[in-house]
C-alpha atoms as a PDB file:
ATOM      1  CA  MET A   1      24.725 -28.646  33.048  1.00  0.00           C
ATOM      2  CA  MET A   2      28.532 -28.956  31.509  1.00  0.00           C
ATOM      3  CA  GLN A   3      28.590 -30.693  28.177  1.00  0.00           C
ATOM      4  CA  SER A   4      32.065 -32.441  26.990  1.00  0.00           C
ATOM      5  CA  GLN A   5      31.909 -30.929  23.381  1.00  0.00           C
ATOM      6  CA  THR A   6      30.093 -28.093  21.931  1.00  0.00           C
ATOM      7  CA  GLU A   7      27.979 -27.641  19.521  1.00  0.00           C
ATOM      8  CA  SER A   8      30.773 -25.596  17.301  1.00  0.00           C
ATOM      9  CA  GLU A   9      33.302 -28.299  17.806  1.00  0.00           C
ATOM     10  CA  THR A  10      31.126 -31.146  16.497  1.00  0.00           C
ATOM     11  CA  THR A  11      29.439 -30.255  14.034  1.00  0.00           C
ATOM     12  CA  PRO A  12      31.580 -29.914  10.786  1.00  0.00           C
ATOM     13  CA  ALA A  13      33.939 -32.496  11.231  1.00  0.00           C
ATOM     14  CA  ALA A  14      31.371 -35.088  12.501  1.00  0.00           C
ATOM     15  CA  LEU A  15      28.581 -34.283  10.525  1.00  0.00           C
ATOM     16  CA  LEU A  16      30.108 -34.872   7.239  1.00  0.00           C
ATOM     17  CA  SER A  17      32.890 -37.996   8.294  1.00  0.00           C
ATOM     18  CA  GLY A  18      31.212 -40.153   5.900  1.00  0.00           C
ATOM     19  CA  TRP A  19      31.200 -37.955   3.218  1.00  0.00           C
ATOM     20  CA  ILE A  20      32.959 -36.932   0.311  1.00  0.00           C
ATOM     21  CA  THR A  21      32.457 -33.534  -1.743  1.00  0.00           C
ATOM     22  CA  ARG A  22      32.914 -33.758  -5.562  1.00  0.00           C
ATOM     23  CA  LYS A  23      36.185 -31.800  -5.714  1.00  0.00           C
ATOM     24  CA  ASP A  24      37.828 -34.696  -3.702  1.00  0.00           C
ATOM     25  CA  LEU A  25      36.233 -37.495  -5.486  1.00  0.00           C
ATOM     26  CA  ALA A  26      37.318 -36.120  -8.866  1.00  0.00           C
ATOM     27  CA  GLU A  27      40.733 -35.662  -7.425  1.00  0.00           C
ATOM     28  CA  ALA A  28      40.996 -39.124  -6.433  1.00  0.00           C
ATOM     29  CA  LEU A  29      39.564 -41.054  -9.316  1.00  0.00           C
ATOM     30  CA  SER A  30      41.691 -38.477 -11.616  1.00  0.00           C
ATOM     31  CA  LEU A  31      38.570 -37.148 -13.185  1.00  0.00           C
ATOM     32  CA  THR A  32      37.467 -33.432 -13.542  1.00  0.00           C
ATOM     33  CA  VAL A  33      34.588 -31.935 -11.545  1.00  0.00           C
ATOM     34  CA  ASP A  34      32.778 -31.559 -14.837  1.00  0.00           C
ATOM     35  CA  THR A  35      33.011 -34.999 -15.843  1.00  0.00           C
ATOM     36  CA  LEU A  36      31.310 -35.784 -12.359  1.00  0.00           C
ATOM     37  CA  GLY A  37      28.648 -33.534 -12.908  1.00  0.00           C
ATOM     38  CA  ARG A  38      28.224 -34.899 -16.719  1.00  0.00           C
ATOM     39  CA  TRP A  39      27.453 -38.286 -15.159  1.00  0.00           C
ATOM     40  CA  GLU A  40      25.307 -37.039 -12.461  1.00  0.00           C
ATOM     41  CA  ALA A  41      23.016 -35.483 -15.500  1.00  0.00           C
ATOM     42  CA  ARG A  42      22.961 -38.926 -17.154  1.00  0.00           C
ATOM     43  CA  ARG A  43      22.125 -40.423 -13.871  1.00  0.00           C
ATOM     44  CA  PHE A  44      25.614 -42.575 -14.093  1.00  0.00           C
ATOM     45  CA  GLY A  45      27.901 -42.803 -11.505  1.00  0.00           C
ATOM     46  CA  PRO A  46      28.112 -42.838  -8.073  1.00  0.00           C
ATOM     47  CA  PRO A  47      24.551 -41.795  -6.265  1.00  0.00           C
ATOM     48  CA  CYS A  48      25.295 -38.291  -4.515  1.00  0.00           C
ATOM     49  CA  VAL A  49      23.712 -35.717  -2.093  1.00  0.00           C
ATOM     50  CA  ARG A  50      22.924 -32.074  -2.962  1.00  0.00           C
ATOM     51  CA  ALA A  51      22.835 -29.582  -0.063  1.00  0.00           C
ATOM     52  CA  GLY A  52      22.308 -26.071  -1.320  1.00  0.00           C
ATOM     53  CA  ARG A  53      24.953 -26.012  -3.825  1.00  0.00           C
ATOM     54  CA  MET A  54      27.368 -28.425  -2.434  1.00  0.00           C
ATOM     55  CA  VAL A  55      27.627 -31.958  -4.090  1.00  0.00           C
ATOM     56  CA  LEU A  56      28.469 -35.048  -1.450  1.00  0.00           C
ATOM     57  CA  TYR A  57      29.091 -38.463  -2.096  1.00  0.00           C
ATOM     58  CA  ARG A  58      28.826 -40.968   0.561  1.00  0.00           C
ATOM     59  CA  ARG A  59      32.279 -42.813   0.800  1.00  0.00           C
ATOM     60  CA  ARG A  60      30.421 -46.563   1.024  1.00  0.00           C
ATOM     61  CA  ALA A  61      28.029 -45.637  -2.027  1.00  0.00           C
ATOM     62  CA  VAL A  62      31.362 -44.596  -3.619  1.00  0.00           C
ATOM     63  CA  GLN A  63      32.958 -47.844  -2.759  1.00  0.00           C
ATOM     64  CA  ASP A  64      29.766 -49.859  -3.724  1.00  0.00           C
ATOM     65  CA  TRP A  65      29.480 -48.251  -7.342  1.00  0.00           C
ATOM     66  CA  LEU A  66      33.113 -48.922  -7.944  1.00  0.00           C
ATOM     67  CA  ALA A  67      32.788 -52.710  -6.773  1.00  0.00           C
ATOM     68  CA  ALA A  68      29.840 -52.843  -9.230  1.00  0.00           C
ATOM     69  CA  GLN A  69      32.145 -51.385 -11.901  1.00  0.00           C
ATOM     70  CA  GLU A  70      34.263 -54.095 -11.858  1.00  0.00           C
ATOM     71  CA  MET A  71      34.011 -56.265 -15.388  1.00  0.00           C
ATOM     72  CA  PRO A  72      34.990 -60.272 -15.442  1.00  0.00           C
ATOM     73  CA  ARG A  73      38.363 -61.035 -16.665  1.00  0.00           C
ATOM     74  CA  ALA A  74      38.229 -61.736 -20.152  1.00  0.00           C
ATOM     75  CA  ARG A  75      39.227 -65.331 -21.050  1.00  0.00           C
ATOM     76  CA  ALA A  76      42.338 -65.710 -23.216  1.00  0.00           C
ATOM     77  CA  ALA A  77      42.175 -66.228 -27.052  1.00  0.00           C
ATOM     78  CA  GLY A  78      43.094 -69.274 -27.850  1.00  0.00           C
ATOM     79  CA  GLY A  79      42.325 -72.552 -29.858  1.00  0.00           C
ATOM     80  CA  ARG A  80      41.535 -76.050 -28.618  1.00  0.00           C
ATOM     81  CA  LYS A  81      43.426 -77.718 -26.299  1.00  0.00           C
END
């Protein structure tokens, strides 16, 4: 029986295609890795998963968290009209 792809070809890339590492997320958000670690300890920031020492963030969860952080536009100060 022939397989079109071997396990070694699909495992790393396909398995983690929807995930981002802490280092990559820190770079994308212009933060330090330590800041993301503090956020995790304080239960703030996007949800993450630990696989041994590796910390991964689901891309869609990060996008949802960023959208939830959006603040409504403040009304312009001014007098009566």
